[in-house]
Protein backbone atom coordinates (compact mmCIF):
# COMPACT_ATOMS: atom_id res chain seq x y z
CA GLN A 1 111.88 105.98 99.43
CA VAL A 2 109.37 103.67 98.40
CA GLN A 3 105.45 105.52 98.45
CA LEU A 4 101.83 104.04 98.15
CA VAL A 5 98.39 105.96 97.85
CA GLU A 6 95.54 103.73 98.45
CA SER A 7 91.99 105.12 96.71
CA GLY A 8 88.67 103.90 95.76
CA GLY A 9 86.98 103.30 99.24
CA GLY A 10 83.95 103.75 100.03
CA SER A 11 80.22 102.77 101.21
CA VAL A 12 78.72 100.06 99.55
CA GLN A 13 75.38 97.14 100.26
CA ALA A 14 76.03 94.01 101.42
CA GLY A 15 76.26 91.74 98.31
CA GLY A 16 77.70 95.08 96.00
CA SER A 17 81.17 95.40 94.69
CA LEU A 18 84.00 97.57 95.04
CA ARG A 19 87.32 98.12 92.63
CA LEU A 20 90.73 99.42 94.94
CA SER A 21 93.29 101.61 93.43
CA CYS A 22 96.87 101.38 94.85
CA THR A 23 99.20 103.33 93.01
CA ALA A 24 103.32 102.92 93.79
CA SER A 25 106.25 105.15 93.01
CA GLY A 26 109.65 103.50 93.84
CA TYR A 27 112.92 102.39 91.67
CA SER A 28 111.93 98.94 89.77
CA TYR A 29 108.68 98.80 90.92
CA SER A 30 108.01 95.32 89.29
CA SER A 31 109.94 93.61 91.45
CA TYR A 32 107.94 94.33 94.59
CA TYR A 33 106.12 91.64 96.03
CA MET A 34 102.39 93.44 96.55
CA GLY A 35 99.49 92.76 99.28
CA TRP A 36 96.68 94.42 100.07
CA PHE A 37 96.00 94.30 104.14
CA ARG A 38 92.35 95.43 106.20
CA GLN A 39 92.03 96.13 110.19
CA ALA A 40 88.73 96.68 111.86
CA PRO A 41 88.52 98.68 114.84
CA GLY A 42 90.13 96.99 117.71
CA LYS A 43 91.39 94.37 115.66
CA GLU A 44 95.00 93.02 114.37
CA ARG A 45 96.00 94.14 111.09
CA GLU A 46 95.23 90.37 108.39
CA GLY A 47 96.20 89.98 105.24
CA VAL A 48 93.59 89.46 102.51
CA ALA A 49 95.60 88.81 99.33
CA ARG A 50 99.45 88.94 98.43
CA ILE A 51 100.72 89.46 94.78
CA THR A 52 104.64 88.27 93.31
CA PRO A 53 106.64 89.84 91.23
CA GLY A 54 105.64 87.07 88.39
CA GLY A 55 102.01 87.23 88.85
CA GLY A 56 101.40 84.52 91.65
CA THR A 57 98.93 85.25 94.26
CA ALA A 58 97.86 84.04 97.49
CA TYR A 59 93.86 84.76 99.53
CA SER A 60 92.81 84.69 102.56
CA ASN A 61 90.47 81.98 103.16
CA SER A 62 87.72 84.75 103.93
CA VAL A 63 87.50 86.14 100.92
CA ARG A 64 89.32 83.70 98.36
CA GLY A 65 86.72 83.27 95.65
CA ARG A 66 85.18 87.08 96.32
CA PHE A 67 87.98 88.78 95.82
CA SER A 68 90.58 89.18 93.24
CA ILE A 69 94.02 90.90 93.40
CA SER A 70 96.17 92.05 89.99
CA ARG A 71 99.05 94.57 88.77
CA ASP A 72 99.23 96.28 85.56
CA ASN A 73 103.50 97.27 85.81
CA ALA A 74 103.11 99.67 83.21
CA LYS A 75 101.16 101.86 85.55
CA ASN A 76 102.40 101.36 88.68
CA ALA A 77 99.22 100.30 90.23
CA LEU A 78 97.80 97.72 92.29
CA TYR A 79 94.33 96.45 92.13
CA LEU A 80 92.01 94.17 94.21
CA GLN A 81 88.53 93.92 93.28
CA MET A 82 86.07 92.47 96.00
CA ASN A 83 82.99 91.15 94.82
CA SER A 84 79.95 90.04 96.85
CA LEU A 85 80.72 91.87 99.98
CA LYS A 86 79.83 91.91 103.16
CA PRO A 87 79.72 93.50 106.12
CA GLU A 88 82.37 91.96 107.66
CA ASP A 89 84.73 93.21 104.77
CA THR A 90 84.32 96.70 106.83
CA ALA A 91 87.84 97.98 107.19
CA MET A 92 90.38 99.95 106.34
CA TYR A 93 92.54 98.21 103.96
CA TYR A 94 96.18 99.02 103.18
CA CYS A 95 98.65 98.32 100.26
CA ALA A 96 102.11 97.27 101.30
CA ALA A 97 105.14 96.16 99.01
CA ASP A 98 108.28 95.00 99.93
CA THR A 99 111.46 93.88 97.64
CA ARG A 100 111.64 89.95 99.86
CA PRO A 101 108.71 87.04 99.55
CA GLY A 102 106.73 86.98 102.39
CA VAL A 103 102.49 86.77 103.39
CA GLY A 104 102.54 88.65 106.57
CA VAL A 105 102.48 92.29 108.30
CA ALA A 106 106.00 91.83 109.42
CA ASP A 107 107.60 90.72 105.88
CA PHE A 108 106.11 94.35 104.28
CA ARG A 109 108.33 97.52 105.16
CA TYR A 110 106.24 99.93 102.59
CA TRP A 111 102.61 100.78 103.80
CA GLY A 112 100.15 103.27 102.17
CA GLN A 113 97.76 105.65 104.56
CA GLY A 114 94.63 103.26 103.90
CA THR A 115 91.20 103.39 102.34
CA GLN A 116 88.03 102.81 104.28
CA VAL A 117 85.73 100.33 103.07
CA THR A 118 82.20 100.17 104.53
CA VAL A 119 79.17 97.80 103.87
CA SER A 120 76.37 97.89 105.25
CA SER A 121 73.70 94.99 105.54
């Protein structure tokens, strides 16, 4: 059983920053592929960023250059630094994990409960 718990969400003005955290528990955590996803009301869940066990990263076009994903294996933690936030970034943000490579929602078996991010204009 893999348990993921997100934190760090909140309300911020456009142009501001937030740092999301995800604490993961599970044997051999460092071997997991990790990702951040988000879902706005009435929209499908979409990928935001992912990071491989080796530290390789990838981002969606909408957040590239503004968001940064990182991991600290010693702390069993995943982070998403979000800068230059826009109202369209408003969504519930989820962290996800899997032992297999992949980038889509269907590729991740383990999910956190989500943390809300609201960006006002």
